[in-house]
Amino acid sequence: MTAIAVQAQRLLGQRRPRRSFFESFIRTLIITCAALAVVLSSV
């Protein structure tokens, strides 16, 4: 049982921490505004 617990802990430890909703929202907003700027500038 201990070996299985160690393996499970190692697999869980390798995961990348998830970003917060706020950070994802801000990054999405930056991408959206940059896309709008590209469209405005090209037109």
All heavy atoms as atom14 arrays in JSON, in Angstrom:
{
  "sequence": "MTAIAVQAQRLLGQRRPRRSFFESFIRTLIITCAALAVVLSSV",
  "atom14_mask": [
    [1, 1, 1, 1, 1, 1, 1, 1, 0, 0, 0, 0, 0, 0],
    [1, 1, 1, 1, 1, 1, 1, 0, 0, 0, 0, 0, 0, 0],
    [1, 1, 1, 1, 1, 0, 0, 0, 0, 0, 0, 0, 0, 0],
    [1, 1, 1, 1, 1, 1, 1, 1, 0, 0, 0, 0, 0, 0],
    [1, 1, 1, 1, 1, 0, 0, 0, 0, 0, 0, 0, 0, 0],
    [1, 1, 1, 1, 1, 1, 1, 0, 0, 0, 0, 0, 0, 0],
    [1, 1, 1, 1, 1, 1, 1, 1, 1, 0, 0, 0, 0, 0],
    [1, 1, 1, 1, 1, 0, 0, 0, 0, 0, 0, 0, 0, 0],
    [1, 1, 1, 1, 1, 1, 1, 1, 1, 0, 0, 0, 0, 0],
    [1, 1, 1, 1, 1, 1, 1, 1, 1, 1, 1, 0, 0, 0],
    [1, 1, 1, 1, 1, 1, 1, 1, 0, 0, 0, 0, 0, 0],
    [1, 1, 1, 1, 1, 1, 1, 1, 0, 0, 0, 0, 0, 0],
    [1, 1, 1, 1, 0, 0, 0, 0, 0, 0, 0, 0, 0, 0],
    [1, 1, 1, 1, 1, 1, 1, 1, 1, 0, 0, 0, 0, 0],
    [1, 1, 1, 1, 1, 1, 1, 1, 1, 1, 1, 0, 0, 0],
    [1, 1, 1, 1, 1, 1, 1, 1, 1, 1, 1, 0, 0, 0],
    [1, 1, 1, 1, 1, 1, 1, 0, 0, 0, 0, 0, 0, 0],
    [1, 1, 1, 1, 1, 1, 1, 1, 1, 1, 1, 0, 0, 0],
    [1, 1, 1, 1, 1, 1, 1, 1, 1, 1, 1, 0, 0, 0],
    [1, 1, 1, 1, 1, 1, 0, 0, 0, 0, 0, 0, 0, 0],
    [1, 1, 1, 1, 1, 1, 1, 1, 1, 1, 1, 0, 0, 0],
    [1, 1, 1, 1, 1, 1, 1, 1, 1, 1, 1, 0, 0, 0],
    [1, 1, 1, 1, 1, 1, 1, 1, 1, 0, 0, 0, 0, 0],
    [1, 1, 1, 1, 1, 1, 0, 0, 0, 0, 0, 0, 0, 0],
    [1, 1, 1, 1, 1, 1, 1, 1, 1, 1, 1, 0, 0, 0],
    [1, 1, 1, 1, 1, 1, 1, 1, 0, 0, 0, 0, 0, 0],
    [1, 1, 1, 1, 1, 1, 1, 1, 1, 1, 1, 0, 0, 0],
    [1, 1, 1, 1, 1, 1, 1, 0, 0, 0, 0, 0, 0, 0],
    [1, 1, 1, 1, 1, 1, 1, 1, 0, 0, 0, 0, 0, 0],
    [1, 1, 1, 1, 1, 1, 1, 1, 0, 0, 0, 0, 0, 0],
    [1, 1, 1, 1, 1, 1, 1, 1, 0, 0, 0, 0, 0, 0],
    [1, 1, 1, 1, 1, 1, 1, 0, 0, 0, 0, 0, 0, 0],
    [1, 1, 1, 1, 1, 1, 0, 0, 0, 0, 0, 0, 0, 0],
    [1, 1, 1, 1, 1, 0, 0, 0, 0, 0, 0, 0, 0, 0],
    [1, 1, 1, 1, 1, 0, 0, 0, 0, 0, 0, 0, 0, 0],
    [1, 1, 1, 1, 1, 1, 1, 1, 0, 0, 0, 0, 0, 0],
    [1, 1, 1, 1, 1, 0, 0, 0, 0, 0, 0, 0, 0, 0],
    [1, 1, 1, 1, 1, 1, 1, 0, 0, 0, 0, 0, 0, 0],
    [1, 1, 1, 1, 1, 1, 1, 0, 0, 0, 0, 0, 0, 0],
    [1, 1, 1, 1, 1, 1, 1, 1, 0, 0, 0, 0, 0, 0],
    [1, 1, 1, 1, 1, 1, 0, 0, 0, 0, 0, 0, 0, 0],
    [1, 1, 1, 1, 1, 1, 0, 0, 0, 0, 0, 0, 0, 0],
    [1, 1, 1, 1, 1, 1, 1, 0, 0, 0, 0, 0, 0, 0]
  ],
  "atom14_positions": [
    [[0.8, -1.19, 0.0], [0.0, 0.0, 0.0], [0.85, 1.27, 0.0], [0.52, 2.23, -0.63], [-0.91, 0.05, 1.23], [-2.12, -0.83, 1.11], [-3.17, -0.26, -0.17], [-4.67, -0.22, 0.68], [0.0, 0.0, 0.0], [0.0, 0.0, 0.0], [0.0, 0.0, 0.0], [0.0, 0.0, 0.0], [0.0, 0.0, 0.0], [0.0, 0.0, 0.0]],
    [[1.93, 1.23, 0.71], [2.78, 2.41, 0.8], [3.38, 2.74, -0.56], [3.46, 3.91, -0.93], [3.91, 2.16, 1.81], [3.35, 1.69, 3.03], [4.68, 3.43, 2.06], [0.0, 0.0, 0.0], [0.0, 0.0, 0.0], [0.0, 0.0, 0.0], [0.0, 0.0, 0.0], [0.0, 0.0, 0.0], [0.0, 0.0, 0.0], [0.0, 0.0, 0.0]],
    [[3.8, 1.75, -1.34], [4.38, 1.99, -2.67], [3.35, 2.61, -3.59], [3.67, 3.5, -4.38], [4.92, 0.69, -3.24], [0.0, 0.0, 0.0], [0.0, 0.0, 0.0], [0.0, 0.0, 0.0], [0.0, 0.0, 0.0], [0.0, 0.0, 0.0], [0.0, 0.0, 0.0], [0.0, 0.0, 0.0], [0.0, 0.0, 0.0], [0.0, 0.0, 0.0]],
    [[2.11, 2.17, -3.52], [1.04, 2.75, -4.34], [0.78, 4.2, -3.95], [0.62, 5.07, -4.81], [-0.25, 1.91, -4.23], [0.0, 0.53, -4.84], [-1.4, 2.61, -4.91], [-1.15, -0.43, -4.65], [0.0, 0.0, 0.0], [0.0, 0.0, 0.0], [0.0, 0.0, 0.0], [0.0, 0.0, 0.0], [0.0, 0.0, 0.0], [0.0, 0.0, 0.0]],
    [[0.77, 4.48, -2.66], [0.56, 5.84, -2.2], [1.68, 6.76, -2.65], [1.47, 7.91, -3.05], [0.43, 5.86, -0.68], [0.0, 0.0, 0.0], [0.0, 0.0, 0.0], [0.0, 0.0, 0.0], [0.0, 0.0, 0.0], [0.0, 0.0, 0.0], [0.0, 0.0, 0.0], [0.0, 0.0, 0.0], [0.0, 0.0, 0.0], [0.0, 0.0, 0.0]],
    [[2.92, 6.26, -2.62], [4.07, 7.06, -3.06], [3.98, 7.34, -4.56], [4.22, 8.46, -5.01], [5.39, 6.34, -2.71], [6.58, 7.01, -3.39], [5.59, 6.3, -1.21], [0.0, 0.0, 0.0], [0.0, 0.0, 0.0], [0.0, 0.0, 0.0], [0.0, 0.0, 0.0], [0.0, 0.0, 0.0], [0.0, 0.0, 0.0], [0.0, 0.0, 0.0]],
    [[3.6, 6.33, -5.35], [3.45, 6.51, -6.79], [2.34, 7.52, -7.1], [2.49, 8.37, -7.98], [3.14, 5.16, -7.48], [4.31, 4.23, -7.56], [5.37, 4.76, -8.52], [5.1, 5.56, -9.4], [6.6, 4.29, -8.33], [0.0, 0.0, 0.0], [0.0, 0.0, 0.0], [0.0, 0.0, 0.0], [0.0, 0.0, 0.0], [0.0, 0.0, 0.0]],
    [[1.24, 7.4, -6.41], [0.12, 8.33, -6.63], [0.53, 9.75, -6.26], [0.19, 10.71, -6.96], [-1.09, 7.89, -5.81], [0.0, 0.0, 0.0], [0.0, 0.0, 0.0], [0.0, 0.0, 0.0], [0.0, 0.0, 0.0], [0.0, 0.0, 0.0], [0.0, 0.0, 0.0], [0.0, 0.0, 0.0], [0.0, 0.0, 0.0], [0.0, 0.0, 0.0]],
    [[1.24, 9.89, -5.16], [1.7, 11.22, -4.73], [2.66, 11.81, -5.74], [2.61, 13.0, -6.04], [2.37, 11.1, -3.35], [2.56, 12.41, -2.67], [1.24, 13.01, -2.22], [0.15, 12.56, -2.54], [1.35, 14.07, -1.47], [0.0, 0.0, 0.0], [0.0, 0.0, 0.0], [0.0, 0.0, 0.0], [0.0, 0.0, 0.0], [0.0, 0.0, 0.0]],
    [[3.54, 10.99, -6.32], [4.5, 11.46, -7.32], [3.77, 11.93, -8.58], [4.11, 12.95, -9.17], [5.49, 10.36, -7.66], [6.62, 10.86, -8.54], [7.62, 9.8, -8.89], [8.14, 9.17, -7.67], [8.62, 7.94, -7.63], [8.64, 7.2, -8.73], [9.09, 7.43, -6.53], [0.0, 0.0, 0.0], [0.0, 0.0, 0.0], [0.0, 0.0, 0.0]],
    [[2.75, 11.18, -9.03], [1.98, 11.58, -10.2], [1.22, 12.87, -9.96], [1.13, 13.72, -10.84], [1.03, 10.46, -10.62], [1.68, 9.23, -11.24], [0.64, 8.15, -11.47], [2.35, 9.6, -12.55], [0.0, 0.0, 0.0], [0.0, 0.0, 0.0], [0.0, 0.0, 0.0], [0.0, 0.0, 0.0], [0.0, 0.0, 0.0], [0.0, 0.0, 0.0]],
    [[0.65, 13.01, -8.8], [-0.08, 14.24, -8.49], [0.87, 15.42, -8.34], [0.51, 16.55, -8.67], [-0.9, 14.07, -7.2], [-2.12, 13.15, -7.31], [-2.76, 12.98, -5.94], [-3.11, 13.7, -8.31], [0.0, 0.0, 0.0], [0.0, 0.0, 0.0], [0.0, 0.0, 0.0], [0.0, 0.0, 0.0], [0.0, 0.0, 0.0], [0.0, 0.0, 0.0]],
    [[2.07, 15.2, -7.87], [3.04, 16.26, -7.69], [3.56, 16.81, -9.01], [4.06, 17.93, -9.06], [0.0, 0.0, 0.0], [0.0, 0.0, 0.0], [0.0, 0.0, 0.0], [0.0, 0.0, 0.0], [0.0, 0.0, 0.0], [0.0, 0.0, 0.0], [0.0, 0.0, 0.0], [0.0, 0.0, 0.0], [0.0, 0.0, 0.0], [0.0, 0.0, 0.0]],
    [[3.45, 16.05, -10.09], [3.97, 16.5, -11.38], [2.98, 17.39, -12.13], [3.34, 17.99, -13.12], [4.33, 15.31, -12.25], [5.55, 14.57, -11.77], [5.86, 13.4, -12.67], [5.1, 13.05, -13.55], [7.0, 12.78, -12.43], [0.0, 0.0, 0.0], [0.0, 0.0, 0.0], [0.0, 0.0, 0.0], [0.0, 0.0, 0.0], [0.0, 0.0, 0.0]],
    [[1.77, 17.48, -11.67], [0.79, 18.31, -12.36], [1.12, 19.78, -12.2], [1.59, 20.23, -11.18], [-0.61, 18.07, -11.76], [-1.3, 16.92, -12.35], [-2.76, 17.04, -12.01], [-3.36, 15.73, -12.07], [-4.47, 15.42, -11.47], [-5.1, 16.3, -10.76], [-4.96, 14.23, -11.59], [0.0, 0.0, 0.0], [0.0, 0.0, 0.0], [0.0, 0.0, 0.0]],
    [[0.81, 20.51, -13.22], [1.01, 21.95, -13.21], [-0.15, 22.58, -12.43], [-1.3, 22.21, -12.59], [1.02, 22.45, -14.65], [1.3, 23.88, -14.79], [1.47, 24.3, -16.24], [0.56, 23.65, -17.15], [0.94, 22.95, -18.2], [2.2, 22.78, -18.45], [0.07, 22.42, -18.99], [0.0, 0.0, 0.0], [0.0, 0.0, 0.0], [0.0, 0.0, 0.0]],
    [[0.16, 23.54, -11.57], [-0.94, 24.18, -10.84], [-1.87, 24.9, -11.81], [-1.43, 25.5, -12.78], [-0.24, 25.18, -9.92], [1.2, 25.15, -10.25], [1.45, 24.08, -11.23], [0.0, 0.0, 0.0], [0.0, 0.0, 0.0], [0.0, 0.0, 0.0], [0.0, 0.0, 0.0], [0.0, 0.0, 0.0], [0.0, 0.0, 0.0], [0.0, 0.0, 0.0]],
    [[-3.14, 24.85, -11.52], [-4.13, 25.49, -12.39], [-4.14, 26.99, -12.13], [-3.98, 27.45, -11.02], [-5.51, 24.9, -12.13], [-5.5, 23.42, -12.45], [-6.81, 22.84, -12.85], [-7.68, 23.61, -13.66], [-7.8, 23.5, -14.97], [-7.04, 22.66, -15.63], [-8.66, 24.21, -15.63], [0.0, 0.0, 0.0], [0.0, 0.0, 0.0], [0.0, 0.0, 0.0]],
    [[-4.35, 27.73, -13.2], [-4.42, 29.17, -13.06], [-5.78, 29.57, -12.51], [-6.77, 28.89, -12.73], [-4.21, 29.83, -14.42], [-2.77, 29.87, -14.79], [-2.57, 30.66, -16.03], [-2.75, 29.73, -17.13], [-3.06, 30.08, -18.35], [-3.24, 31.32, -18.65], [-3.18, 29.19, -19.3], [0.0, 0.0, 0.0], [0.0, 0.0, 0.0], [0.0, 0.0, 0.0]],
    [[-5.8, 30.7, -11.85], [-7.05, 31.2, -11.29], [-7.95, 31.7, -12.43], [-7.49, 32.0, -13.53], [-6.78, 32.33, -10.31], [-6.3, 33.47, -10.99], [0.0, 0.0, 0.0], [0.0, 0.0, 0.0], [0.0, 0.0, 0.0], [0.0, 0.0, 0.0], [0.0, 0.0, 0.0], [0.0, 0.0, 0.0], [0.0, 0.0, 0.0], [0.0, 0.0, 0.0]],
    [[-9.21, 31.8, -12.11], [-10.18, 32.31, -13.09], [-9.83, 33.74, -13.48], [-9.89, 34.12, -14.65], [-11.6, 32.26, -12.52], [-12.6, 32.98, -13.37], [-13.07, 32.4, -14.54], [-13.05, 34.25, -13.02], [-13.98, 33.07, -15.34], [-13.95, 34.92, -13.82], [-14.42, 34.33, -14.98], [0.0, 0.0, 0.0], [0.0, 0.0, 0.0], [0.0, 0.0, 0.0]],
    [[-9.43, 34.54, -12.51], [-9.11, 35.94, -12.76], [-7.94, 36.07, -13.73], [-7.99, 36.87, -14.66], [-8.8, 36.65, -11.44], [-8.56, 38.1, -11.6], [-9.59, 38.96, -11.92], [-7.28, 38.63, -11.43], [-9.36, 40.32, -12.08], [-7.05, 39.98, -11.58], [-8.09, 40.83, -11.9], [0.0, 0.0, 0.0], [0.0, 0.0, 0.0], [0.0, 0.0, 0.0]],
    [[-6.89, 35.28, -13.54], [-5.74, 35.34, -14.44], [-6.12, 34.91, -15.85], [-5.74, 35.54, -16.84], [-4.6, 34.47, -13.91], [-3.37, 34.52, -14.79], [-2.28, 33.58, -14.34], [-2.36, 33.04, -13.22], [-1.35, 33.37, -15.13], [0.0, 0.0, 0.0], [0.0, 0.0, 0.0], [0.0, 0.0, 0.0], [0.0, 0.0, 0.0], [0.0, 0.0, 0.0]],
    [[-6.88, 33.83, -15.95], [-7.33, 33.37, -17.28], [-8.21, 34.41, -17.96], [-8.09, 34.64, -19.17], [-8.1, 32.06, -17.14], [-7.26, 31.05, -16.65], [0.0, 0.0, 0.0], [0.0, 0.0, 0.0], [0.0, 0.0, 0.0], [0.0, 0.0, 0.0], [0.0, 0.0, 0.0], [0.0, 0.0, 0.0], [0.0, 0.0, 0.0], [0.0, 0.0, 0.0]],
    [[-9.07, 35.05, -17.18], [-9.95, 36.08, -17.73], [-9.14, 37.26, -18.25], [-9.4, 37.77, -19.35], [-10.95, 36.53, -16.67], [-11.84, 37.65, -17.12], [-12.85, 37.41, -18.03], [-11.65, 38.94, -16.64], [-13.67, 38.45, -18.46], [-12.46, 39.97, -17.07], [-13.47, 39.72, -17.98], [0.0, 0.0, 0.0], [0.0, 0.0, 0.0], [0.0, 0.0, 0.0]],
    [[-8.15, 37.71, -17.47], [-7.32, 38.85, -17.88], [-6.53, 38.51, -19.15], [-6.46, 39.31, -20.09], [-6.36, 39.26, -16.75], [-7.14, 39.8, -15.57], [-5.32, 40.27, -17.23], [-7.89, 41.08, -15.84], [0.0, 0.0, 0.0], [0.0, 0.0, 0.0], [0.0, 0.0, 0.0], [0.0, 0.0, 0.0], [0.0, 0.0, 0.0], [0.0, 0.0, 0.0]],
    [[-5.97, 37.31, -19.21], [-5.21, 36.91, -20.4], [-6.12, 36.82, -21.63], [-5.73, 37.22, -22.73], [-4.48, 35.59, -20.15], [-3.31, 35.74, -19.2], [-2.61, 34.41, -18.95], [-1.57, 34.54, -17.96], [-0.29, 34.73, -18.23], [0.11, 34.82, -19.48], [0.6, 34.83, -17.26], [0.0, 0.0, 0.0], [0.0, 0.0, 0.0], [0.0, 0.0, 0.0]],
    [[-7.33, 36.32, -21.45], [-8.29, 36.25, -22.55], [-8.68, 37.65, -23.0], [-8.81, 37.92, -24.21], [-9.54, 35.45, -22.12], [-9.12, 34.15, -21.71], [-10.52, 35.33, -23.26], [0.0, 0.0, 0.0], [0.0, 0.0, 0.0], [0.0, 0.0, 0.0], [0.0, 0.0, 0.0], [0.0, 0.0, 0.0], [0.0, 0.0, 0.0], [0.0, 0.0, 0.0]],
    [[-8.86, 38.55, -22.06], [-9.21, 39.94, -22.39], [-8.08, 40.62, -23.16], [-8.33, 41.35, -24.12], [-9.52, 40.7, -21.1], [-10.17, 42.05, -21.22], [-11.52, 41.92, -21.92], [-10.36, 42.66, -19.85], [0.0, 0.0, 0.0], [0.0, 0.0, 0.0], [0.0, 0.0, 0.0], [0.0, 0.0, 0.0], [0.0, 0.0, 0.0], [0.0, 0.0, 0.0]],
    [[-6.83, 40.37, -22.77], [-5.69, 40.94, -23.48], [-5.64, 40.42, -24.92], [-5.43, 41.18, -25.87], [-4.38, 40.63, -22.73], [-4.31, 41.46, -21.44], [-3.15, 40.9, -23.6], [-3.19, 41.06, -20.5], [0.0, 0.0, 0.0], [0.0, 0.0, 0.0], [0.0, 0.0, 0.0], [0.0, 0.0, 0.0], [0.0, 0.0, 0.0], [0.0, 0.0, 0.0]],
    [[-5.87, 39.12, -25.1], [-5.87, 38.55, -26.44], [-6.99, 39.14, -27.29], [-6.79, 39.48, -28.46], [-5.96, 37.01, -26.37], [-4.65, 36.43, -25.82], [-6.29, 36.41, -27.72], [-4.72, 34.95, -25.5], [0.0, 0.0, 0.0], [0.0, 0.0, 0.0], [0.0, 0.0, 0.0], [0.0, 0.0, 0.0], [0.0, 0.0, 0.0], [0.0, 0.0, 0.0]],
    [[-8.17, 39.29, -26.7], [-9.31, 39.84, -27.44], [-9.06, 41.29, -27.85], [-9.33, 41.68, -29.0], [-10.59, 39.75, -26.58], [-10.79, 38.4, -26.19], [-11.8, 40.25, -27.34], [0.0, 0.0, 0.0], [0.0, 0.0, 0.0], [0.0, 0.0, 0.0], [0.0, 0.0, 0.0], [0.0, 0.0, 0.0], [0.0, 0.0, 0.0], [0.0, 0.0, 0.0]],
    [[-8.53, 42.09, -26.94], [-8.24, 43.49, -27.27], [-7.11, 43.61, -28.3], [-7.14, 44.5, -29.15], [-7.89, 44.26, -26.0], [-9.3, 44.53, -24.93], [0.0, 0.0, 0.0], [0.0, 0.0, 0.0], [0.0, 0.0, 0.0], [0.0, 0.0, 0.0], [0.0, 0.0, 0.0], [0.0, 0.0, 0.0], [0.0, 0.0, 0.0], [0.0, 0.0, 0.0]],
    [[-6.13, 42.73, -28.22], [-5.05, 42.74, -29.22], [-5.59, 42.37, -30.6], [-5.2, 42.96, -31.6], [-3.94, 41.79, -28.81], [0.0, 0.0, 0.0], [0.0, 0.0, 0.0], [0.0, 0.0, 0.0], [0.0, 0.0, 0.0], [0.0, 0.0, 0.0], [0.0, 0.0, 0.0], [0.0, 0.0, 0.0], [0.0, 0.0, 0.0], [0.0, 0.0, 0.0]],
    [[-6.52, 41.41, -30.64], [-7.14, 41.05, -31.91], [-7.94, 42.22, -32.48], [-7.9, 42.5, -33.69], [-8.03, 39.83, -31.74], [0.0, 0.0, 0.0], [0.0, 0.0, 0.0], [0.0, 0.0, 0.0], [0.0, 0.0, 0.0], [0.0, 0.0, 0.0], [0.0, 0.0, 0.0], [0.0, 0.0, 0.0], [0.0, 0.0, 0.0], [0.0, 0.0, 0.0]],
    [[-8.66, 42.93, -31.62], [-9.4, 44.12, -32.05], [-8.45, 45.19, -32.6], [-8.73, 45.82, -33.63], [-10.22, 44.68, -30.89], [-10.98, 45.97, -31.16], [-12.06, 45.74, -32.2], [-11.57, 46.52, -29.88], [0.0, 0.0, 0.0], [0.0, 0.0, 0.0], [0.0, 0.0, 0.0], [0.0, 0.0, 0.0], [0.0, 0.0, 0.0], [0.0, 0.0, 0.0]],
    [[-7.31, 45.38, -31.94], [-6.33, 46.36, -32.4], [-5.76, 45.97, -33.76], [-5.56, 46.83, -34.62], [-5.21, 46.49, -31.37], [0.0, 0.0, 0.0], [0.0, 0.0, 0.0], [0.0, 0.0, 0.0], [0.0, 0.0, 0.0], [0.0, 0.0, 0.0], [0.0, 0.0, 0.0], [0.0, 0.0, 0.0], [0.0, 0.0, 0.0], [0.0, 0.0, 0.0]],
    [[-5.52, 44.68, -33.98], [-5.01, 44.22, -35.28], [-6.03, 44.51, -36.38], [-5.69, 45.0, -37.45], [-4.66, 42.72, -35.23], [-4.44, 42.16, -36.62], [-3.42, 42.49, -34.38], [0.0, 0.0, 0.0], [0.0, 0.0, 0.0], [0.0, 0.0, 0.0], [0.0, 0.0, 0.0], [0.0, 0.0, 0.0], [0.0, 0.0, 0.0], [0.0, 0.0, 0.0]],
    [[-7.3, 44.25, -36.1], [-8.35, 44.51, -37.09], [-8.45, 46.0, -37.38], [-8.5, 46.42, -38.54], [-9.7, 43.94, -36.62], [-10.83, 44.41, -37.5], [-9.66, 42.42, -36.58], [0.0, 0.0, 0.0], [0.0, 0.0, 0.0], [0.0, 0.0, 0.0], [0.0, 0.0, 0.0], [0.0, 0.0, 0.0], [0.0, 0.0, 0.0], [0.0, 0.0, 0.0]],
    [[-8.49, 46.83, -36.34], [-8.57, 48.28, -36.54], [-7.39, 48.81, -37.35], [-7.56, 49.6, -38.27], [-8.63, 49.0, -35.19], [-9.94, 48.97, -34.43], [-9.76, 49.62, -33.06], [-11.03, 49.66, -35.21], [0.0, 0.0, 0.0], [0.0, 0.0, 0.0], [0.0, 0.0, 0.0], [0.0, 0.0, 0.0], [0.0, 0.0, 0.0], [0.0, 0.0, 0.0]],
    [[-6.2, 48.36, -37.01], [-5.01, 48.84, -37.69], [-4.97, 48.39, -39.15], [-4.63, 49.18, -40.03], [-3.77, 48.37, -36.95], [-2.62, 48.93, -37.52], [0.0, 0.0, 0.0], [0.0, 0.0, 0.0], [0.0, 0.0, 0.0], [0.0, 0.0, 0.0], [0.0, 0.0, 0.0], [0.0, 0.0, 0.0], [0.0, 0.0, 0.0], [0.0, 0.0, 0.0]],
    [[-5.32, 47.14, -39.39], [-5.28, 46.65, -40.78], [-6.32, 47.34, -41.65], [-6.04, 47.7, -42.79], [-5.43, 45.14, -40.82], [-6.66, 44.74, -40.29], [0.0, 0.0, 0.0], [0.0, 0.0, 0.0], [0.0, 0.0, 0.0], [0.0, 0.0, 0.0], [0.0, 0.0, 0.0], [0.0, 0.0, 0.0], [0.0, 0.0, 0.0], [0.0, 0.0, 0.0]],
    [[-7.51, 47.58, -41.12], [-8.54, 48.29, -41.89], [-8.1, 49.72, -42.15], [-8.25, 50.25, -43.25], [-9.9, 48.25, -41.14], [-10.87, 49.24, -41.73], [-10.48, 46.85, -41.18], [0.0, 0.0, 0.0], [0.0, 0.0, 0.0], [0.0, 0.0, 0.0], [0.0, 0.0, 0.0], [0.0, 0.0, 0.0], [0.0, 0.0, 0.0], [0.0, 0.0, 0.0]]
  ]
}
